[in-house]
C-alpha atoms as a PDB file:
ATOM      1  CA  MET A   1      -7.383  19.162  -5.650  1.00  0.00           C
ATOM      2  CA  GLN A   2      -9.586  16.549  -3.900  1.00  0.00           C
ATOM      3  CA  ASN A   3     -12.789  17.724  -5.557  1.00  0.00           C
ATOM      4  CA  LEU A   4     -11.060  18.059  -8.905  1.00  0.00           C
ATOM      5  CA  LEU A   5      -9.695  14.513  -8.683  1.00  0.00           C
ATOM      6  CA  ASP A   6     -13.142  13.217  -7.777  1.00  0.00           C
ATOM      7  CA  ASP A   7     -14.735  15.126 -10.626  1.00  0.00           C
ATOM      8  CA  TYR A   8     -12.358  13.511 -13.105  1.00  0.00           C
ATOM      9  CA  ALA A   9     -12.910  10.105 -11.614  1.00  0.00           C
ATOM     10  CA  GLN A  10     -16.691  10.336 -11.910  1.00  0.00           C
ATOM     11  CA  SER A  11     -16.851  12.069 -15.274  1.00  0.00           C
ATOM     12  CA  ASN A  12     -14.196  10.311 -17.349  1.00  0.00           C
ATOM     13  CA  ALA A  13     -14.944   8.639 -20.654  1.00  0.00           C
ATOM     14  CA  LEU A  14     -14.744   5.131 -19.091  1.00  0.00           C
ATOM     15  CA  ARG A  15     -17.508   5.905 -16.498  1.00  0.00           C
ATOM     16  CA  ASP A  16     -20.022   3.770 -18.374  1.00  0.00           C
ATOM     17  CA  THR A  17     -17.695   0.851 -18.941  1.00  0.00           C
ATOM     18  CA  SER A  18     -18.757  -2.288 -17.070  1.00  0.00           C
ATOM     19  CA  PRO A  19     -17.344  -2.402 -13.459  1.00  0.00           C
ATOM     20  CA  ARG A  20     -16.829  -6.165 -13.923  1.00  0.00           C
ATOM     21  CA  LEU A  21     -14.534  -5.593 -16.878  1.00  0.00           C
ATOM     22  CA  LYS A  22     -12.612  -2.951 -14.853  1.00  0.00           C
ATOM     23  CA  LEU A  23     -12.355  -5.343 -11.879  1.00  0.00           C
ATOM     24  CA  LEU A  24     -11.096  -8.182 -13.989  1.00  0.00           C
ATOM     25  CA  LEU A  25      -8.542  -5.828 -15.647  1.00  0.00           C
ATOM     26  CA  GLY A  26      -7.363  -4.681 -12.302  1.00  0.00           C
ATOM     27  CA  LEU A  27      -7.213  -8.206 -10.802  1.00  0.00           C
ATOM     28  CA  GLY A  28      -5.299  -9.507 -13.838  1.00  0.00           C
ATOM     29  CA  ALA A  29      -2.884  -6.613 -13.616  1.00  0.00           C
ATOM     30  CA  ILE A  30      -2.264  -7.133  -9.933  1.00  0.00           C
ATOM     31  CA  LEU A  31      -1.789 -10.839 -10.312  1.00  0.00           C
ATOM     32  CA  LEU A  32       0.711 -10.302 -13.138  1.00  0.00           C
ATOM     33  CA  CYS A  33       2.625  -7.671 -11.131  1.00  0.00           C
ATOM     34  CA  VAL A  34       2.721  -9.706  -7.909  1.00  0.00           C
ATOM     35  CA  SER A  35       3.781 -12.940  -9.631  1.00  0.00           C
ATOM     36  CA  SER A  36       6.457 -11.235 -11.771  1.00  0.00           C
ATOM     37  CA  VAL A  37      10.015 -11.899 -10.840  1.00  0.00           C
ATOM     38  CA  THR A  38      11.350  -9.084 -13.008  1.00  0.00           C
ATOM     39  CA  PRO A  39      10.170  -5.556 -13.223  1.00  0.00           C
ATOM     40  CA  ILE A  40       9.428  -5.684 -16.938  1.00  0.00           C
ATOM     41  CA  ALA A  41       5.775  -6.898 -16.659  1.00  0.00           C
ATOM     42  CA  PRO A  42       4.809  -4.376 -13.935  1.00  0.00           C
ATOM     43  CA  LEU A  43       6.407  -1.529 -15.835  1.00  0.00           C
ATOM     44  CA  PHE A  44       4.524  -2.570 -19.093  1.00  0.00           C
ATOM     45  CA  ILE A  45       1.278  -2.722 -17.114  1.00  0.00           C
ATOM     46  CA  ALA A  46       1.848   0.698 -15.525  1.00  0.00           C
ATOM     47  CA  VAL A  47       2.644   2.277 -18.883  1.00  0.00           C
ATOM     48  CA  THR A  48      -0.314   0.600 -20.580  1.00  0.00           C
ATOM     49  CA  MET A  49      -2.711   1.694 -17.876  1.00  0.00           C
ATOM     50  CA  SER A  50      -1.344   5.217 -17.920  1.00  0.00           C
ATOM     51  CA  LEU A  51      -1.972   5.369 -21.700  1.00  0.00           C
ATOM     52  CA  VAL A  52      -5.471   4.012 -21.090  1.00  0.00           C
ATOM     53  CA  THR A  53      -6.109   6.752 -18.502  1.00  0.00           C
ATOM     54  CA  ILE A  54      -4.896   9.477 -20.717  1.00  0.00           C
ATOM     55  CA  GLY A  55      -6.154   8.177 -24.014  1.00  0.00           C
ATOM     56  CA  LEU A  56      -9.396   6.256 -23.426  1.00  0.00           C
ATOM     57  CA  ALA A  57     -10.531   7.995 -20.128  1.00  0.00           C
ATOM     58  CA  LYS A  58      -9.715  11.372 -21.583  1.00  0.00           C
ATOM     59  CA  ILE A  59      -7.968  12.580 -18.414  1.00  0.00           C
ATOM     60  CA  PRO A  60      -5.862  15.692 -19.336  1.00  0.00           C
ATOM     61  CA  TRP A  61      -2.252  14.740 -19.484  1.00  0.00           C
ATOM     62  CA  ARG A  62      -1.237  17.854 -17.594  1.00  0.00           C
ATOM     63  CA  PHE A  63      -3.462  17.081 -14.669  1.00  0.00           C
ATOM     64  CA  TYR A  64      -2.387  13.442 -14.781  1.00  0.00           C
ATOM     65  CA  SER A  65       1.341  14.325 -14.858  1.00  0.00           C
ATOM     66  CA  LYS A  66       0.894  16.863 -12.008  1.00  0.00           C
ATOM     67  CA  LEU A  67      -0.872  14.313 -10.005  1.00  0.00           C
ATOM     68  CA  LEU A  68       1.898  11.779 -10.485  1.00  0.00           C
ATOM     69  CA  LEU A  69       4.703  14.190  -9.431  1.00  0.00           C
ATOM     70  CA  ILE A  70       3.493  14.288  -5.806  1.00  0.00           C
ATOM     71  CA  PRO A  71       3.983  10.636  -4.880  1.00  0.00           C
ATOM     72  CA  LEU A  72       6.626  10.081  -7.547  1.00  0.00           C
ATOM     73  CA  SER A  73       9.188  12.197  -5.756  1.00  0.00           C
ATOM     74  CA  PHE A  74       8.623  10.231  -2.512  1.00  0.00           C
ATOM     75  CA  SER A  75       8.710   6.929  -4.282  1.00  0.00           C
ATOM     76  CA  LEU A  76      12.004   7.663  -6.103  1.00  0.00           C
ATOM     77  CA  LEU A  77      13.654   8.540  -2.829  1.00  0.00           C
ATOM     78  CA  SER A  78      12.262   5.312  -1.300  1.00  0.00           C
ATOM     79  CA  ALA A  79      13.329   3.240  -4.299  1.00  0.00           C
ATOM     80  CA  LEU A  80      16.798   4.722  -4.044  1.00  0.00           C
ATOM     81  CA  VAL A  81      16.984   3.672  -0.414  1.00  0.00           C
ATOM     82  CA  VAL A  82      15.818   0.182  -1.251  1.00  0.00           C
ATOM     83  CA  ALA A  83      18.239  -0.135  -4.133  1.00  0.00           C
ATOM     84  CA  PHE A  84      21.243   0.788  -1.790  1.00  0.00           C
ATOM     85  CA  MET A  85      20.091  -1.173   1.218  1.00  0.00           C
ATOM     86  CA  HIS A  86      19.268  -4.516  -0.468  1.00  0.00           C
ATOM     87  CA  GLY A  87      22.213  -6.610  -1.342  1.00  0.00           C
ATOM     88  CA  GLY A  88      22.477  -9.672  -3.511  1.00  0.00           C
ATOM     89  CA  GLY A  89      23.302 -10.581  -7.015  1.00  0.00           C
ATOM     90  CA  ASP A  90      25.833  -8.798  -9.268  1.00  0.00           C
ATOM     91  CA  GLN A  91      26.866  -5.255  -8.513  1.00  0.00           C
ATOM     92  CA  LEU A  92      25.498  -2.819 -11.116  1.00  0.00           C
ATOM     93  CA  ILE A  93      26.957   0.457  -9.679  1.00  0.00           C
ATOM     94  CA  SER A  94      29.550   0.932  -6.974  1.00  0.00           C
ATOM     95  CA  PHE A  95      31.187   4.147  -5.831  1.00  0.00           C
ATOM     96  CA  SER A  96      32.749   5.665  -2.710  1.00  0.00           C
ATOM     97  CA  VAL A  97      31.502   8.767  -0.891  1.00  0.00           C
ATOM     98  CA  PHE A  98      33.549  10.149   1.975  1.00  0.00           C
ATOM     99  CA  GLY A  99      35.126   6.749   2.594  1.00  0.00           C
ATOM    100  CA  PHE A 100      31.828   4.879   2.475  1.00  0.00           C
ATOM    101  CA  ASN A 101      31.388   2.333  -0.225  1.00  0.00           C
ATOM    102  CA  LEU A 102      27.993   2.503  -1.819  1.00  0.00           C
ATOM    103  CA  SER A 103      26.712  -0.004  -4.314  1.00  0.00           C
ATOM    104  CA  ILE A 104      23.548  -1.000  -6.060  1.00  0.00           C
ATOM    105  CA  SER A 105      23.083  -4.728  -6.691  1.00  0.00           C
ATOM    106  CA  GLU A 106      20.875  -6.486  -9.199  1.00  0.00           C
ATOM    107  CA  ASP A 107      18.391  -7.554  -6.517  1.00  0.00           C
ATOM    108  CA  GLY A 108      18.223  -4.051  -5.037  1.00  0.00           C
ATOM    109  CA  ALA A 109      17.586  -2.519  -8.467  1.00  0.00           C
ATOM    110  CA  ASN A 110      14.761  -5.091  -9.107  1.00  0.00           C
ATOM    111  CA  LEU A 111      13.121  -4.335  -5.776  1.00  0.00           C
ATOM    112  CA  ALA A 112      13.310  -0.607  -6.362  1.00  0.00           C
ATOM    113  CA  LEU A 113      11.695  -0.948  -9.813  1.00  0.00           C
ATOM    114  CA  LEU A 114       8.955  -3.193  -8.403  1.00  0.00           C
ATOM    115  CA  LEU A 115       8.307  -0.564  -5.671  1.00  0.00           C
ATOM    116  CA  ILE A 116       7.951   2.197  -8.281  1.00  0.00           C
ATOM    117  CA  THR A 117       5.597   0.189 -10.461  1.00  0.00           C
ATOM    118  CA  ASN A 118       3.452  -0.729  -7.398  1.00  0.00           C
ATOM    119  CA  LEU A 119       3.115   3.039  -6.658  1.00  0.00           C
ATOM    120  CA  VAL A 120       2.059   3.824 -10.231  1.00  0.00           C
ATOM    121  CA  LEU A 121      -0.596   1.145 -10.197  1.00  0.00           C
ATOM    122  CA  GLY A 122      -1.860   2.584  -6.869  1.00  0.00           C
ATOM    123  CA  ILE A 123      -2.222   5.995  -8.464  1.00  0.00           C
ATOM    124  CA  LEU A 124      -4.088   4.420 -11.385  1.00  0.00           C
ATOM    125  CA  ALA A 125      -6.435   2.735  -8.912  1.00  0.00           C
ATOM    126  CA  ARG A 126      -7.182   6.202  -7.456  1.00  0.00           C
ATOM    127  CA  VAL A 127      -7.999   7.579 -10.896  1.00  0.00           C
ATOM    128  CA  PHE A 128     -10.379   4.618 -11.536  1.00  0.00           C
ATOM    129  CA  PRO A 129     -12.382   4.542  -8.337  1.00  0.00           C
ATOM    130  CA  GLN A 130     -14.075   1.272  -9.364  1.00  0.00           C
ATOM    131  CA  LEU A 131     -10.727  -0.552  -9.344  1.00  0.00           C
ATOM    132  CA  ASN A 132     -10.631  -1.024  -5.465  1.00  0.00           C
ATOM    133  CA  VAL A 133      -8.799  -4.345  -5.948  1.00  0.00           C
ATOM    134  CA  PHE A 134      -5.728  -3.288  -4.083  1.00  0.00           C
ATOM    135  CA  MET A 135      -7.576  -4.132  -0.916  1.00  0.00           C
ATOM    136  CA  LEU A 136      -7.466  -7.757  -2.069  1.00  0.00           C
ATOM    137  CA  SER A 137      -3.656  -7.649  -2.271  1.00  0.00           C
ATOM    138  CA  PHE A 138      -3.203  -5.856   0.964  1.00  0.00           C
ATOM    139  CA  PRO A 139      -2.672  -9.034   3.143  1.00  0.00           C
ATOM    140  CA  LEU A 140      -0.279 -10.365   0.554  1.00  0.00           C
ATOM    141  CA  ASN A 141       1.764  -7.211   0.532  1.00  0.00           C
ATOM    142  CA  ILE A 142       1.924  -7.312   4.348  1.00  0.00           C
ATOM    143  CA  GLY A 143       3.246 -10.892   4.279  1.00  0.00           C
ATOM    144  CA  ILE A 144       5.832 -10.035   1.583  1.00  0.00           C
ATOM    145  CA  ALA A 145       6.915  -6.970   3.595  1.00  0.00           C
ATOM    146  CA  PHE A 146       7.501  -9.067   6.766  1.00  0.00           C
ATOM    147  CA  LEU A 147       9.434 -11.633   4.650  1.00  0.00           C
ATOM    148  CA  VAL A 148      11.618  -8.932   3.121  1.00  0.00           C
ATOM    149  CA  ILE A 149      12.209  -7.337   6.542  1.00  0.00           C
ATOM    150  CA  SER A 150      13.104 -10.709   8.078  1.00  0.00           C
ATOM    151  CA  LEU A 151      15.518 -11.515   5.268  1.00  0.00           C
ATOM    152  CA  THR A 152      17.332  -8.166   5.199  1.00  0.00           C
ATOM    153  CA  LEU A 153      17.441  -7.454   8.938  1.00  0.00           C
ATOM    154  CA  GLY A 154      20.522  -9.643   9.512  1.00  0.00           C
ATOM    155  CA  GLY A 155      22.362  -8.067   6.599  1.00  0.00           C
ATOM    156  CA  THR A 156      21.490  -4.545   7.787  1.00  0.00           C
ATOM    157  CA  PHE A 157      22.959  -5.268  11.233  1.00  0.00           C
ATOM    158  CA  SER A 158      26.143  -6.711   9.779  1.00  0.00           C
ATOM    159  CA  VAL A 159      26.535  -3.687   7.435  1.00  0.00           C
ATOM    160  CA  LEU A 160      25.920  -1.248  10.386  1.00  0.00           C
ATOM    161  CA  ARG A 161      28.425  -3.105  12.567  1.00  0.00           C
ATOM    162  CA  ARG A 162      31.032  -3.034   9.859  1.00  0.00           C
ATOM    163  CA  GLU A 163      30.494   0.708   9.286  1.00  0.00           C
ATOM    164  CA  PHE A 164      30.570   1.571  12.967  1.00  0.00           C
ATOM    165  CA  ASP A 165      33.709  -0.486  13.373  1.00  0.00           C
ATOM    166  CA  THR A 166      35.443   1.424  10.615  1.00  0.00           C
ATOM    167  CA  MET A 167      33.943   4.826  11.363  1.00  0.00           C
ATOM    168  CA  GLY A 168      36.754   6.125  13.465  1.00  0.00           C
ATOM    169  CA  GLU A 169      39.332   5.259  10.823  1.00  0.00           C
ATOM    170  CA  ASN A 170      37.189   6.801   8.131  1.00  0.00           C
ATOM    171  CA  ILE A 171      36.686  10.070  10.101  1.00  0.00           C
ATOM    172  CA  LEU A 172      40.451  10.272  10.648  1.00  0.00           C
ATOM    173  CA  ASN A 173      40.992   9.735   6.886  1.00  0.00           C
ATOM    174  CA  ILE A 174      38.554  12.463   6.104  1.00  0.00           C
ATOM    175  CA  MET A 175      40.136  14.889   8.518  1.00  0.00           C
ATOM    176  CA  HIS A 176      43.589  14.028   7.084  1.00  0.00           C
ATOM    177  CA  LEU A 177      42.328  14.747   3.597  1.00  0.00           C
ATOM    178  CA  LEU A 178      40.892  18.114   4.661  1.00  0.00           C
ATOM    179  CA  LYS A 179      44.165  19.324   6.139  1.00  0.00           C
END
């Protein structure tokens, strides 16, 4: 698949397009995605760049969709974990599983959607090898990751402490229900 991917990257219909134009397009897209506080702009950019890849670059849609399925499955699971682990804002979904209350808040859903759009833009950067502008945003992403970790670490410990404190009672309830 590696050689096939490189063949498409080097022989697509946008090969002769100015690298400066592609670089400006990529930089503008990254700046809009990073500065967006809602997932609407990154989703719009991801959909637009996907359409450009399929329509203008003439990449076959079957190959493009097959290529997207590999990291998409991993990213959806990661986004689901982010959505459940990050709390704040209004609760969108809340349910109980085996005595454990699970909920997705507004902030968790926004972070999950931003994670997915960041992944899609990364795949598009692989299809357009001239768009190596994600290296420019790498230090910014590291800083944001450390900030998010430092902000959520305290909440994670409190959630874990609460769950471990009630674990014995929940196990007894489950065993009582299974009798």
